Protein backbone atom coordinates (compact mmCIF):
# COMPACT_ATOMS: atom_id res chain seq x y z
CA MET A 1 -19.65 138.32 174.42
CA VAL A 2 -19.01 134.65 173.70
CA THR A 3 -22.26 132.73 173.41
CA THR A 4 -23.40 129.18 173.25
CA CYS A 5 -24.11 127.92 169.78
CA SER A 6 -27.58 128.33 168.37
CA TRP A 7 -27.14 125.50 165.87
CA ARG A 8 -28.59 122.24 167.02
CA VAL A 9 -25.34 120.25 167.03
CA TRP A 10 -22.79 122.98 166.37
CA CYS A 11 -20.86 122.61 169.61
CA VAL A 12 -21.57 119.02 170.65
CA PRO A 13 -20.45 116.19 168.35
CA CYS A 14 -23.43 113.86 168.26
CA LYS A 15 -22.88 110.16 167.68
CA SER A 16 -26.38 109.08 168.66
CA ARG A 17 -28.56 111.11 166.33
CA VAL A 18 -27.14 109.72 163.10
CA GLY A 19 -26.48 106.01 162.71
CA SER A 20 -25.74 103.56 159.95
CA SER A 21 -29.32 102.33 160.07
CA VAL A 22 -30.70 105.77 159.15
CA ALA A 23 -31.78 105.90 155.50
CA PHE A 24 -30.89 109.01 153.52
CA SER A 25 -29.89 110.07 150.03
CA THR A 26 -26.27 111.10 149.67
CA ASP A 27 -27.33 113.54 146.94
CA SER A 28 -29.78 115.36 149.20
CA LEU A 29 -29.00 118.97 150.04
CA ILE A 30 -28.55 118.77 153.82
CA HIS A 31 -28.33 121.38 156.57
CA PRO A 32 -24.84 122.07 157.98
CA ASP A 33 -26.06 120.71 161.34
CA GLU A 34 -26.86 117.39 159.72
CA ALA A 35 -23.56 117.37 157.85
CA ARG A 36 -21.66 117.86 161.12
CA ALA A 37 -23.66 115.12 162.82
CA ARG A 38 -22.84 112.66 160.03
CA ILE A 39 -19.16 113.61 160.19
CA PHE A 40 -18.88 113.30 163.97
CA HIS A 41 -20.61 109.94 163.89
CA HIS A 42 -17.33 108.70 162.37
CA VAL A 43 -14.86 110.80 164.39
CA ALA A 44 -13.06 109.23 167.34
CA ARG A 45 -10.15 110.37 169.46
CA LEU A 46 -6.87 108.93 168.25
CA PRO A 47 -4.65 106.74 170.48
CA SER A 48 -2.10 108.29 172.81
CA GLU A 49 1.67 108.32 172.56
CA ARG A 50 4.57 109.43 174.76
CA VAL A 51 6.75 112.25 173.50
CA ALA A 52 9.73 114.10 174.93
CA LEU A 53 8.87 117.28 176.80
CA ARG A 54 10.83 119.26 174.19
CA ALA A 55 8.44 117.96 171.51
CA ALA A 56 5.21 118.38 173.49
CA ALA A 57 4.47 122.03 172.70
CA TRP A 58 1.04 122.54 171.08
CA ARG A 59 0.13 118.89 171.61
CA VAL A 60 -2.96 117.74 173.52
CA LEU A 61 -2.65 116.03 176.89
CA ALA A 62 -4.10 112.52 176.72
CA ASP A 63 -4.94 111.97 180.42
CA ASP A 64 -5.54 113.96 183.57
CA LEU A 65 -2.18 114.79 185.11
CA MET A 66 -1.76 114.69 188.89
CA ALA A 67 1.11 116.22 190.85
CA GLU A 68 3.44 113.56 192.28
CA GLU A 69 5.25 116.07 194.51
CA ASN A 70 4.72 119.45 196.12
CA HIS A 71 5.66 122.51 194.11
CA PRO A 72 7.69 124.21 195.42
CA PRO A 73 9.09 121.32 197.47
CA PHE A 74 10.54 123.68 200.13
CA PRO A 75 9.70 127.11 201.56
CA ALA A 76 11.46 129.62 199.31
CA ALA A 77 12.33 133.30 199.52
CA THR A 78 10.47 135.55 197.08
CA MET A 79 13.08 138.33 197.20
CA ASP A 80 16.66 139.06 198.20
CA GLY A 81 17.10 139.98 201.85
CA TYR A 82 17.55 138.35 205.24
CA ALA A 83 15.84 135.29 206.65
CA VAL A 84 14.78 136.03 210.22
CA ILE A 85 12.54 134.99 213.08
CA ALA A 86 9.54 137.31 212.80
CA ASP A 87 8.88 137.81 216.54
CA ASP A 88 12.55 138.38 217.46
CA PRO A 89 12.41 141.71 219.36
CA SER A 90 15.97 142.77 218.53
CA PRO A 91 16.54 144.85 215.35
CA TRP A 92 20.28 144.03 215.59
CA ARG A 93 21.01 140.46 214.44
CA GLU A 94 24.14 138.48 213.80
CA ILE A 95 24.58 137.18 210.23
CA VAL A 96 25.28 133.46 210.60
CA GLY A 97 25.30 132.36 206.96
CA ARG A 98 24.28 132.83 203.34
CA GLN A 99 21.52 130.90 201.61
CA THR A 100 21.44 131.11 197.82
CA ALA A 101 19.26 129.45 195.18
CA GLY A 102 20.53 125.91 194.73
CA SER A 103 22.37 125.97 198.05
CA VAL A 104 22.70 122.71 199.98
CA GLU A 105 24.13 124.31 203.12
CA GLU A 106 21.99 123.75 206.20
CA ILE A 107 21.57 126.83 208.37
CA ASP A 108 19.69 127.00 211.68
CA LEU A 109 18.48 130.34 213.05
CA ASP A 110 17.99 131.27 216.68
CA LEU A 111 16.84 134.52 218.26
CA GLY A 112 19.28 137.31 217.51
CA THR A 113 20.47 135.77 214.23
CA ALA A 114 19.73 136.18 210.52
CA ALA A 115 20.94 134.72 207.23
CA TRP A 116 21.45 136.44 203.89
CA ILE A 117 19.10 134.85 201.36
CA THR A 118 18.49 135.23 197.63
CA THR A 119 15.27 134.90 195.65
CA GLY A 120 14.27 131.25 195.24
CA ALA A 121 16.61 129.95 197.94
CA PRO A 122 15.29 127.57 200.61
CA VAL A 123 14.46 129.32 203.88
CA PRO A 124 16.76 128.20 206.76
CA ARG A 125 15.35 126.12 209.59
CA GLY A 126 13.91 128.28 212.33
CA ALA A 127 13.27 131.27 210.06
CA ASN A 128 9.67 132.24 209.30
CA ALA A 129 10.05 135.53 207.40
CA VAL A 130 12.29 137.30 204.91
CA VAL A 131 13.08 140.99 205.31
CA PRO A 132 13.82 142.86 202.05
CA VAL A 133 17.39 144.09 201.75
CA GLU A 134 16.03 147.60 201.10
CA VAL A 135 14.95 147.99 204.75
CA THR A 136 18.26 146.84 206.25
CA SER A 137 21.78 148.12 206.83
CA LEU A 138 25.04 146.43 207.83
CA ALA A 139 27.18 147.03 210.89
CA ASP A 140 30.22 144.81 211.33
CA GLU A 141 28.88 141.27 210.91
CA HIS A 142 25.35 142.19 211.92
CA VAL A 143 22.27 143.35 210.06
CA VAL A 144 20.12 146.18 211.39
CA ILE A 145 16.44 145.92 210.41
CA HIS A 146 14.69 149.26 209.90
CA GLN A 147 11.16 147.86 209.91
CA GLU A 148 8.98 147.94 212.99
CA ARG A 149 6.66 145.05 212.15
CA ILE A 150 7.59 141.72 210.56
CA ASP A 151 4.71 139.37 209.77
CA PRO A 152 5.28 135.61 209.99
CA GLY A 153 5.44 134.16 206.46
CA ALA A 154 6.39 137.50 204.90
CA ASN A 155 8.12 137.10 201.51
CA ILE A 156 8.15 133.31 201.75
CA ARG A 157 6.57 130.99 199.21
CA PRO A 158 5.22 128.03 201.25
CA ILE A 159 5.64 124.38 200.35
CA GLY A 160 3.02 123.36 197.76
CA ILE A 161 1.64 126.87 197.25
CA ASP A 162 1.66 126.29 193.49
CA LEU A 163 0.67 122.61 193.52
CA MET A 164 0.10 120.14 196.31
CA ARG A 165 1.04 116.51 195.84
CA GLY A 166 -2.01 114.64 194.52
CA SER A 167 -3.70 117.73 193.11
CA LEU A 168 -4.82 118.07 189.49
CA VAL A 169 -2.12 119.71 187.37
CA LEU A 170 -3.72 119.65 183.91
CA ARG A 171 -6.90 118.10 182.57
CA SER A 172 -7.11 115.71 179.67
CA GLY A 173 -7.71 117.67 176.48
CA SER A 174 -5.58 120.62 177.55
CA MET A 175 -3.29 122.04 174.91
CA ILE A 176 0.31 122.22 176.07
CA GLY A 177 1.63 125.74 175.59
CA PRO A 178 4.71 127.52 176.96
CA ALA A 179 3.29 127.87 180.49
CA GLU A 180 2.26 124.21 180.57
CA ILE A 181 5.71 123.16 179.34
CA GLY A 182 7.30 125.11 182.18
CA LEU A 183 4.92 123.58 184.71
CA LEU A 184 5.65 120.06 183.48
CA ALA A 185 9.38 120.72 183.54
CA GLY A 186 9.15 122.02 187.10
CA LEU A 187 7.37 118.84 188.16
CA GLY A 188 9.88 116.60 186.39
CA ILE A 189 7.34 115.18 183.95
CA ASP A 190 9.24 114.03 180.86
CA PRO A 191 8.15 112.32 178.62
CA VAL A 192 4.51 113.43 178.34
CA THR A 193 1.53 111.34 177.23
CA VAL A 194 -0.31 113.15 174.43
CA VAL A 195 -2.90 112.28 171.79
CA GLN A 196 -1.54 111.33 168.40
CA ARG A 197 -1.84 113.91 165.66
CA PRO A 198 -4.08 112.98 162.69
CA ARG A 199 -2.07 111.82 159.69
CA VAL A 200 -3.44 113.83 156.78
CA SER A 201 -2.89 113.66 153.02
CA VAL A 202 -3.91 116.52 150.71
CA LEU A 203 -4.64 115.99 147.01
CA SER A 204 -5.58 118.85 144.69
CA THR A 205 -7.03 117.93 141.31
CA GLY A 206 -7.28 119.46 137.86
CA ASP A 207 -5.14 119.67 134.72
CA GLU A 208 -5.27 123.45 134.97
CA LEU A 209 -3.18 123.57 138.16
CA VAL A 210 0.57 124.22 138.30
CA GLU A 211 2.94 124.67 141.24
CA PRO A 212 3.34 128.17 142.74
CA THR A 213 6.91 128.29 141.42
CA GLU A 214 5.80 127.64 137.83
CA THR A 215 4.60 130.11 135.22
CA PRO A 216 1.03 129.23 134.20
CA GLY A 217 0.42 128.50 130.54
CA PRO A 218 -2.78 129.29 128.65
CA GLY A 219 -5.78 128.22 130.72
CA GLN A 220 -3.66 127.33 133.76
CA ILE A 221 -3.59 128.72 137.30
CA ARG A 222 -1.30 128.19 140.27
CA ASP A 223 -2.43 125.68 142.90
CA SER A 224 -3.44 127.99 145.75
CA ASN A 225 -5.96 125.70 147.46
CA ARG A 226 -3.46 123.04 148.45
CA PHE A 227 -1.14 125.55 150.08
CA SER A 228 -3.98 127.33 151.89
CA LEU A 229 -5.14 123.98 153.22
CA LEU A 230 -1.63 123.02 154.31
CA ALA A 231 -1.44 126.20 156.40
CA ALA A 232 -4.89 125.56 157.88
CA LEU A 233 -3.87 122.00 158.74
CA GLN A 234 -0.74 123.20 160.49
CA GLU A 235 -2.82 125.57 162.62
CA SER A 236 -5.20 122.71 163.42
CA GLY A 237 -2.43 120.48 164.79
CA ALA A 238 -2.55 117.89 162.00
CA ASP A 239 0.47 115.95 160.75
CA VAL A 240 0.54 116.33 156.97
CA ILE A 241 2.28 113.19 155.74
CA TRP A 242 1.79 113.83 152.01
CA ASP A 243 0.54 116.48 149.63
CA GLY A 244 0.43 116.58 145.88
CA HIS A 245 -1.51 117.23 142.70
CA GLY A 246 -3.50 114.81 140.57
CA PRO A 247 -4.46 115.15 136.90
CA ASP A 248 -7.94 114.84 135.42
CA ASP A 249 -7.43 111.13 134.85
CA ALA A 250 -9.73 108.65 136.59
CA MET A 251 -7.22 105.80 136.89
CA ALA A 252 -4.41 108.04 138.15
CA LEU A 253 -6.71 109.63 140.73
CA ARG A 254 -7.94 106.22 141.84
CA ARG A 255 -4.38 104.99 142.44
CA ALA A 256 -3.43 108.17 144.27
CA LEU A 257 -6.51 108.06 146.50
CA LEU A 258 -6.11 104.40 147.40
CA GLU A 259 -2.45 104.94 148.31
CA ARG A 260 -3.30 107.89 150.50
CA ILE A 261 -6.25 106.15 152.16
CA ALA A 262 -4.01 103.24 153.16
CA GLU A 263 -1.59 105.55 155.01
CA SER A 264 -3.79 108.33 156.39
CA ASP A 265 -6.34 109.03 159.09
CA VAL A 266 -7.77 111.82 156.93
CA VAL A 267 -7.61 112.42 153.18
CA ILE A 268 -8.54 115.85 151.81
CA THR A 269 -9.15 116.49 148.14
CA SER A 270 -9.78 119.81 146.46
CA GLY A 271 -11.86 120.12 143.29
CA GLY A 272 -13.70 117.54 141.21
CA VAL A 273 -16.88 117.37 143.32
CA SER A 274 -19.36 119.30 141.20
CA MET A 275 -21.38 118.17 138.16
CA GLY A 276 -18.93 118.55 135.26
CA ASP A 277 -17.60 115.79 133.01
CA LEU A 278 -14.13 116.19 134.53
CA ASP A 279 -15.33 116.33 138.14
CA LEU A 280 -13.89 112.88 138.79
CA ILE A 281 -13.66 112.76 142.58
CA LYS A 282 -17.41 112.46 143.08
CA PRO A 283 -17.92 109.26 141.01
CA LEU A 284 -14.62 107.84 142.24
CA LEU A 285 -15.69 108.11 145.88
CA ALA A 286 -18.98 106.41 145.03
CA GLU A 287 -16.93 103.49 143.73
CA ILE A 288 -14.28 103.06 146.44
CA ALA A 289 -15.81 104.55 149.61
CA GLU A 290 -18.98 104.83 151.65
CA VAL A 291 -20.34 108.28 150.84
CA HIS A 292 -22.28 110.00 153.64
CA PHE A 293 -23.26 113.24 151.90
CA ARG A 294 -22.37 115.26 148.81
CA ARG A 295 -24.11 118.62 149.13
CA VAL A 296 -24.60 121.04 152.02
CA LEU A 297 -27.14 123.85 152.30
CA MET A 298 -24.49 126.53 152.79
CA LYS A 299 -22.78 129.32 150.90
CA PRO A 300 -20.00 129.15 149.92
CA GLY A 301 -19.28 125.43 149.72
CA LYS A 302 -22.45 123.65 148.60
CA PRO A 303 -20.58 120.82 146.81
CA PHE A 304 -18.86 119.09 149.74
CA ASN A 305 -18.35 115.32 149.85
CA PHE A 306 -17.75 113.32 153.00
CA ALA A 307 -16.94 109.62 152.77
CA THR A 308 -15.15 106.90 154.71
CA VAL A 309 -13.08 103.84 153.92
CA ALA A 310 -12.85 101.79 157.12
CA ASP A 311 -11.55 104.31 159.70
CA THR A 312 -10.16 106.80 157.17
CA LEU A 313 -12.16 110.00 156.74
CA ILE A 314 -12.30 111.54 153.27
CA PHE A 315 -13.26 115.18 152.83
CA SER A 316 -13.64 116.40 149.25
CA LEU A 317 -13.76 120.18 149.12
CA PRO A 318 -14.88 122.42 146.27
CA GLY A 319 -12.31 123.88 143.90
CA ASN A 320 -13.22 127.49 144.64
CA PRO A 321 -10.64 128.72 147.17
CA VAL A 322 -13.03 130.47 149.56
CA SER A 323 -15.42 127.52 149.49
CA ALA A 324 -12.56 125.19 150.38
CA LEU A 325 -11.35 127.25 153.35
CA VAL A 326 -14.84 127.98 154.69
CA GLY A 327 -15.67 124.28 154.46
CA PHE A 328 -12.44 123.54 156.31
CA GLU A 329 -13.38 125.95 159.12
CA VAL A 330 -16.94 124.68 159.48
CA PHE A 331 -16.31 120.94 159.21
CA LEU A 332 -12.67 119.81 159.04
CA ARG A 333 -11.06 121.87 161.76
CA PRO A 334 -13.56 120.75 164.44
CA ALA A 335 -13.21 117.13 163.32
CA LEU A 336 -9.41 117.28 163.45
CA ARG A 337 -9.50 118.82 166.91
CA GLN A 338 -11.95 116.17 168.08
CA MET A 339 -9.55 113.49 166.84
CA GLN A 340 -6.81 115.08 168.95
CA GLY A 341 -9.00 115.24 172.05
CA PHE A 342 -9.19 119.03 172.38
CA ARG A 343 -11.61 120.17 175.06
CA GLU A 344 -12.85 122.97 172.79
CA ILE A 345 -13.21 122.00 169.14
CA ASP A 346 -15.07 125.00 167.69
CA ARG A 347 -14.13 128.59 167.12
CA PRO A 348 -15.62 131.08 169.60
CA ARG A 349 -19.10 132.18 168.56
CA VAL A 350 -20.10 135.79 169.28
CA HIS A 351 -22.98 138.19 168.67
CA VAL A 352 -22.13 141.07 166.33
CA LEU A 353 -23.90 144.15 165.01
CA VAL A 354 -23.44 144.46 161.25
CA ASP A 355 -22.65 147.99 160.08
CA HIS A 356 -24.18 147.48 156.64
CA GLU A 357 -27.21 145.97 154.98
CA VAL A 358 -26.96 142.19 154.57
CA ARG A 359 -28.74 140.37 151.76
CA PRO A 360 -29.48 136.75 152.65
CA SER A 361 -29.49 133.93 150.11
CA ASP A 362 -31.46 130.70 149.94
CA ARG A 363 -28.74 128.99 152.00
CA ILE A 364 -26.95 129.67 155.28
CA GLU A 365 -24.09 131.95 154.29
CA PHE A 366 -20.73 132.45 155.94
CA GLN A 367 -19.67 135.98 155.03
CA ARG A 368 -16.06 136.97 155.56
CA ALA A 369 -15.75 139.95 157.88
CA ILE A 370 -13.70 142.00 160.31
CA VAL A 371 -15.13 142.17 163.83
CA ARG A 372 -14.10 145.08 166.01
CA ALA A 373 -14.62 145.78 169.71
CA ASP A 374 -15.88 149.30 170.37
CA GLY A 375 -14.41 149.52 173.86
CA VAL A 376 -17.74 149.28 175.72
CA GLY A 377 -18.55 145.63 175.05
CA ALA A 378 -20.28 145.76 171.67
CA LEU A 379 -18.84 144.00 168.63
CA THR A 380 -19.31 145.46 165.15
CA ALA A 381 -18.83 143.50 161.93
CA THR A 382 -17.87 144.78 158.49
CA THR A 383 -17.62 142.44 155.52
CA THR A 384 -14.39 142.35 153.57
CA GLY A 385 -16.01 143.32 150.30
CA ALA A 386 -17.17 141.12 147.46
CA GLN A 387 -18.20 137.71 148.78
CA ALA A 388 -17.68 135.65 145.62
CA SER A 389 -16.48 132.11 146.39
CA SER A 390 -13.54 132.56 144.01
CA ARG A 391 -12.31 135.74 145.71
CA LEU A 392 -9.65 134.56 148.15
CA ALA A 393 -8.93 138.20 149.02
CA SER A 394 -12.23 138.24 150.95
CA LEU A 395 -10.54 136.03 153.58
CA VAL A 396 -7.30 138.01 153.72
CA GLY A 397 -7.34 140.15 156.87
CA SER A 398 -10.69 138.80 158.03
CA ASN A 399 -11.11 137.58 161.59
CA ALA A 400 -14.66 136.25 161.45
CA LEU A 401 -17.31 134.44 159.47
CA ILE A 402 -20.72 136.07 159.87
CA VAL A 403 -23.45 133.42 159.94
CA VAL A 404 -26.30 134.79 157.80
CA PRO A 405 -29.49 132.70 158.02
CA ALA A 406 -31.24 131.76 154.79
CA GLY A 407 -33.96 134.19 153.83
CA THR A 408 -35.34 136.62 151.29
CA GLU A 409 -35.61 139.97 153.08
CA PRO A 410 -32.54 142.23 153.43
CA LEU A 411 -31.27 142.69 156.99
CA PRO A 412 -30.73 146.38 157.78
CA SER A 413 -27.55 147.88 159.17
CA GLY A 414 -27.47 147.32 162.92
CA SER A 415 -28.94 143.83 162.70
CA ARG A 416 -27.63 141.35 165.25
CA LEU A 417 -26.09 138.16 163.86
CA ASP A 418 -23.81 135.38 165.04
CA ALA A 419 -20.20 135.17 163.91
CA LEU A 420 -17.39 132.65 164.25
CA LEU A 421 -14.14 134.27 165.35
CA VAL A 422 -11.34 132.83 163.24
CA GLY A 423 -8.79 135.40 164.44
CA PRO A 424 -8.18 137.93 167.23
CA LEU A 425 -10.60 140.80 167.75
CA ARG A 426 -9.64 144.16 166.31
CA GLY A 427 -9.88 147.53 167.99
CA ALA A 428 -12.38 150.11 166.78
CA ASP A 429 -9.57 152.11 165.15
CA HIS A 430 -8.29 149.19 163.03
CA PRO A 431 -8.12 150.17 159.34
CA ARG A 432 -11.08 149.05 157.28
CA SER A 433 -10.84 147.06 154.09
CA PRO A 434 -10.76 148.92 150.78
CA GLU A 435 -14.24 149.88 149.64
CA VAL A 436 -15.59 147.10 147.44
CA PRO A 437 -19.26 146.31 146.70
CA ARG A 438 -20.08 144.07 149.66
CA ASN A 439 -22.72 141.95 148.00
CA ALA A 440 -21.01 141.44 144.68
CA GLN A 441 -21.19 137.83 143.67
């Protein structure tokens, strides 16, 4: 079952608990709750814009939307048949016209008459029921109805049955999907007022990185983090306006960052935030930005920098691929959704029963897992094998992050823990991951 969050500020961005007057050390190791609070202190919904209905899919509605007309605007047939007067005692009725969808012909019915009608067509004046064609037969220019009882309103969709004029159509913060697009089209709403998408730049760092299309030389690896983050940003609704790679050169990184900050709502960097001589992002942010924290009490992803320059948010993620994506899920995705005005910014949080022993660490740990429904309401979680922060395969095929509290004592199989659902639930018969030592680090 979906539960409310047990973290203090997990589900509610808090702008009152952390303020600029609060003194703290940016090098302190802070709880993920505190990290989120400091982030959301600087997150605001972006302005709105009007876009064509064709371009509104997967955008977020900026304002409550009220119906300006009834839908449907006329009583309409819900099936093919004959429009009739329900209490007409005669089963034998003269056919006086045809009413089809889109028809502008005006037909009036009296006792002893009927009109052929198609699904979606406006019901003729005087008619108050539609008889299905399956219970009728024809004789000359008359229809014979083989149904003893006809209820008034049968097979008619009344005016405003879907939406009455002045009623709420969609609430602010609703994501516009296919059904919403159809509803807006039916009401003639085009263009649509939506929240702007965050403009995001992504910069990966390190001389060892090459493009995925290149063959790595000695000591080099392909740049997987940037492309993983680009996919995560697309799923989050962000507008990636630039992405690229920066070398281990302080001046070059400074120029690249300043250019990106000037054009972006959010800048994301990958790598360069630890303690090494070539971890250049950390000292660079201290020079050009206001740094709000540098380390989080979580695993993976302890080195995580958050800074701001004016209204631009800067998230500097670790270089380890799992650390980067877990940090994105825990911090960036909710912030990006808050900027877009989503009503729900966090992943669903559920209770799970782990089917294996779990060994806690000295930090809150987000273990990659597959959560399955057993068919009777219980959810079971299995980790995806080795949980090393460099092992991107631990995220492949996973649909959840198990939240393991910090501790020293192993948690036995069958323990109940919280998990964040990052993908759809699996059935109990879904194939398990290959057997790998689950607690390998």
